[in-house]
Amino acid sequence: MSYLLFFAILAVSTLPFTAQASSPDERVIVHFKHKKDKDLILKKNGKIHREFANVEAMSVSLTAEAIQSLTNDPNVQFIEKDLIVHVQSQTADWGIAQTKAPKGLVIELHGKRR
């Protein structure tokens, strides 16, 4: 009987125990209307993966409840899924000359709002 109890306890103790949150985090990109707000993300217990330099946006992980509450925040413009994109191949050679980038630089096309 004691051997049976020992093996039962041993079998149960080797089972993997994982802590599961009530709802798993989802990786999204939060676009802000005016300026990035780290504190807003951290208050929602979010994890910041990346802050983008040229746009007011951050790649973060948040729960579904936090995402829903951020959609109603006045500083949040929109939220989109942060998808992984893979490039399969380049079918045509699009060099700088073919994209006419130097011409855009001459006429000051820089993407800034006026």
C-alpha atoms as a PDB file:
ATOM      1  CA  MET A   1       0.000   0.000   0.000  1.00  0.00           C
ATOM      2  CA  SER A   2       2.781   2.468   0.875  1.00  0.00           C
ATOM      3  CA  TYR A   3       4.539   1.702  -2.453  1.00  0.00           C
ATOM      4  CA  LEU A   4       1.320   2.460  -4.319  1.00  0.00           C
ATOM      5  CA  LEU A   5       0.948   5.761  -2.483  1.00  0.00           C
ATOM      6  CA  PHE A   6       4.615   6.627  -3.154  1.00  0.00           C
ATOM      7  CA  PHE A   7       4.274   5.995  -6.905  1.00  0.00           C
ATOM      8  CA  ALA A   8       0.999   7.902  -7.062  1.00  0.00           C
ATOM      9  CA  ILE A   9       2.615  10.943  -5.425  1.00  0.00           C
ATOM     10  CA  LEU A  10       5.649  10.601  -7.676  1.00  0.00           C
ATOM     11  CA  ALA A  11       3.460  10.442 -10.794  1.00  0.00           C
ATOM     12  CA  VAL A  12       1.460  13.504  -9.777  1.00  0.00           C
ATOM     13  CA  SER A  13       4.568  15.496  -8.842  1.00  0.00           C
ATOM     14  CA  THR A  14       6.104  14.978 -12.293  1.00  0.00           C
ATOM     15  CA  LEU A  15       3.091  16.392 -14.129  1.00  0.00           C
ATOM     16  CA  PRO A  16       3.837  19.766 -15.710  1.00  0.00           C
ATOM     17  CA  PHE A  17       2.206  22.629 -13.901  1.00  0.00           C
ATOM     18  CA  THR A  18       1.739  25.820 -15.847  1.00  0.00           C
ATOM     19  CA  ALA A  19       0.210  29.045 -14.654  1.00  0.00           C
ATOM     20  CA  GLN A  20      -2.415  30.168 -17.109  1.00  0.00           C
ATOM     21  CA  ALA A  21      -3.771  33.681 -17.191  1.00  0.00           C
ATOM     22  CA  SER A  22      -7.496  34.225 -17.485  1.00  0.00           C
ATOM     23  CA  SER A  23      -6.953  35.471 -21.007  1.00  0.00           C
ATOM     24  CA  PRO A  24      -3.679  35.194 -22.927  1.00  0.00           C
ATOM     25  CA  ASP A  25      -1.887  38.263 -24.188  1.00  0.00           C
ATOM     26  CA  GLU A  26      -2.222  39.263 -27.811  1.00  0.00           C
ATOM     27  CA  ARG A  27       0.514  41.111 -29.700  1.00  0.00           C
ATOM     28  CA  VAL A  28      -0.812  44.298 -31.294  1.00  0.00           C
ATOM     29  CA  ILE A  29       0.359  47.660 -32.603  1.00  0.00           C
ATOM     30  CA  VAL A  30      -1.201  50.615 -30.815  1.00  0.00           C
ATOM     31  CA  HIS A  31      -1.291  53.808 -32.914  1.00  0.00           C
ATOM     32  CA  PHE A  32      -1.601  57.020 -30.931  1.00  0.00           C
ATOM     33  CA  LYS A  33      -3.185  60.252 -32.126  1.00  0.00           C
ATOM     34  CA  HIS A  34      -0.616  62.677 -30.759  1.00  0.00           C
ATOM     35  CA  LYS A  35       2.271  61.079 -28.892  1.00  0.00           C
ATOM     36  CA  LYS A  36       3.206  57.625 -27.607  1.00  0.00           C
ATOM     37  CA  ASP A  37       2.020  56.945 -24.063  1.00  0.00           C
ATOM     38  CA  LYS A  38       4.146  54.270 -22.350  1.00  0.00           C
ATOM     39  CA  ASP A  39       2.384  54.797 -19.031  1.00  0.00           C
ATOM     40  CA  LEU A  40      -0.990  53.980 -20.592  1.00  0.00           C
ATOM     41  CA  ILE A  41       0.310  50.612 -21.817  1.00  0.00           C
ATOM     42  CA  LEU A  42       2.051  49.823 -18.522  1.00  0.00           C
ATOM     43  CA  LYS A  43      -1.098  50.682 -16.534  1.00  0.00           C
ATOM     44  CA  LYS A  44      -2.884  47.968 -18.524  1.00  0.00           C
ATOM     45  CA  ASN A  45      -0.107  45.499 -17.549  1.00  0.00           C
ATOM     46  CA  GLY A  46       1.107  45.487 -21.128  1.00  0.00           C
ATOM     47  CA  LYS A  47       4.553  44.512 -22.329  1.00  0.00           C
ATOM     48  CA  ILE A  48       6.204  46.932 -24.757  1.00  0.00           C
ATOM     49  CA  HIS A  49       8.146  45.141 -27.481  1.00  0.00           C
ATOM     50  CA  ARG A  50       9.096  48.048 -29.731  1.00  0.00           C
ATOM     51  CA  GLU A  51       8.593  51.784 -30.048  1.00  0.00           C
ATOM     52  CA  PHE A  52       8.565  52.931 -33.650  1.00  0.00           C
ATOM     53  CA  ALA A  53      10.718  55.963 -34.446  1.00  0.00           C
ATOM     54  CA  ASN A  54       8.814  57.572 -37.318  1.00  0.00           C
ATOM     55  CA  VAL A  55       5.219  56.963 -36.262  1.00  0.00           C
ATOM     56  CA  GLU A  56       3.401  57.429 -32.977  1.00  0.00           C
ATOM     57  CA  ALA A  57       2.959  53.693 -32.408  1.00  0.00           C
ATOM     58  CA  MET A  58       4.222  50.834 -30.260  1.00  0.00           C
ATOM     59  CA  SER A  59       4.232  47.063 -30.604  1.00  0.00           C
ATOM     60  CA  VAL A  60       2.847  45.664 -27.347  1.00  0.00           C
ATOM     61  CA  SER A  61       1.307  42.560 -25.784  1.00  0.00           C
ATOM     62  CA  LEU A  62      -2.003  43.099 -24.000  1.00  0.00           C
ATOM     63  CA  THR A  63      -4.971  41.079 -22.789  1.00  0.00           C
ATOM     64  CA  ALA A  64      -8.196  41.216 -24.779  1.00  0.00           C
ATOM     65  CA  GLU A  65      -9.801  43.267 -21.998  1.00  0.00           C
ATOM     66  CA  ALA A  66      -6.973  45.816 -22.073  1.00  0.00           C
ATOM     67  CA  ILE A  67      -7.199  46.090 -25.861  1.00  0.00           C
ATOM     68  CA  GLN A  68     -10.930  46.727 -25.625  1.00  0.00           C
ATOM     69  CA  SER A  69     -10.464  49.441 -23.012  1.00  0.00           C
ATOM     70  CA  LEU A  70      -7.712  51.119 -25.065  1.00  0.00           C
ATOM     71  CA  THR A  71     -10.008  51.417 -28.082  1.00  0.00           C
ATOM     72  CA  ASN A  72     -12.060  53.891 -26.032  1.00  0.00           C
ATOM     73  CA  ASP A  73      -9.045  55.953 -24.959  1.00  0.00           C
ATOM     74  CA  PRO A  74      -9.026  59.438 -26.551  1.00  0.00           C
ATOM     75  CA  ASN A  75      -5.251  59.293 -27.258  1.00  0.00           C
ATOM     76  CA  VAL A  76      -5.477  55.970 -29.160  1.00  0.00           C
ATOM     77  CA  GLN A  77      -6.136  56.331 -32.866  1.00  0.00           C
ATOM     78  CA  PHE A  78      -6.497  52.606 -33.638  1.00  0.00           C
ATOM     79  CA  ILE A  79      -5.161  49.165 -32.734  1.00  0.00           C
ATOM     80  CA  GLU A  80      -4.137  46.475 -35.202  1.00  0.00           C
ATOM     81  CA  LYS A  81      -2.705  42.972 -34.919  1.00  0.00           C
ATOM     82  CA  ASP A  82       1.083  42.795 -35.031  1.00  0.00           C
ATOM     83  CA  LEU A  83       1.501  40.204 -37.754  1.00  0.00           C
ATOM     84  CA  ILE A  84       4.719  38.503 -38.727  1.00  0.00           C
ATOM     85  CA  VAL A  85       5.503  39.118 -42.393  1.00  0.00           C
ATOM     86  CA  HIS A  86       7.927  36.999 -44.401  1.00  0.00           C
ATOM     87  CA  VAL A  87       9.398  38.030 -47.739  1.00  0.00           C
ATOM     88  CA  GLN A  88       9.413  35.108 -50.162  1.00  0.00           C
ATOM     89  CA  SER A  89      11.323  36.651 -53.022  1.00  0.00           C
ATOM     90  CA  GLN A  90      11.930  39.855 -54.932  1.00  0.00           C
ATOM     91  CA  THR A  91      10.593  39.536 -58.459  1.00  0.00           C
ATOM     92  CA  ALA A  92      11.883  42.809 -59.900  1.00  0.00           C
ATOM     93  CA  ASP A  93      14.911  44.905 -59.141  1.00  0.00           C
ATOM     94  CA  TRP A  94      13.532  48.099 -57.621  1.00  0.00           C
ATOM     95  CA  GLY A  95      16.600  50.227 -57.140  1.00  0.00           C
ATOM     96  CA  ILE A  96      16.585  53.799 -55.895  1.00  0.00           C
ATOM     97  CA  ALA A  97      16.555  55.173 -59.444  1.00  0.00           C
ATOM     98  CA  GLN A  98      13.481  53.133 -60.400  1.00  0.00           C
ATOM     99  CA  THR A  99      11.515  54.298 -57.353  1.00  0.00           C
ATOM    100  CA  LYS A 100      12.367  57.924 -58.199  1.00  0.00           C
ATOM    101  CA  ALA A 101      13.423  58.527 -54.584  1.00  0.00           C
ATOM    102  CA  PRO A 102      16.034  61.189 -55.502  1.00  0.00           C
ATOM    103  CA  LYS A 103      13.285  63.189 -57.237  1.00  0.00           C
ATOM    104  CA  GLY A 104      11.160  62.949 -54.088  1.00  0.00           C
ATOM    105  CA  LEU A 105      14.022  64.274 -52.004  1.00  0.00           C
ATOM    106  CA  VAL A 106      14.466  67.270 -54.306  1.00  0.00           C
ATOM    107  CA  ILE A 107      10.828  68.324 -53.975  1.00  0.00           C
ATOM    108  CA  GLU A 108      10.976  67.681 -50.181  1.00  0.00           C
ATOM    109  CA  LEU A 109       8.597  64.740 -49.877  1.00  0.00           C
ATOM    110  CA  HIS A 110       9.389  63.609 -46.350  1.00  0.00           C
ATOM    111  CA  GLY A 111       6.066  62.366 -44.923  1.00  0.00           C
ATOM    112  CA  LYS A 112       5.653  65.094 -42.323  1.00  0.00           C
ATOM    113  CA  ARG A 113       2.296  66.742 -41.851  1.00  0.00           C
ATOM    114  CA  ARG A 114       2.008  70.422 -42.560  1.00  0.00           C
END
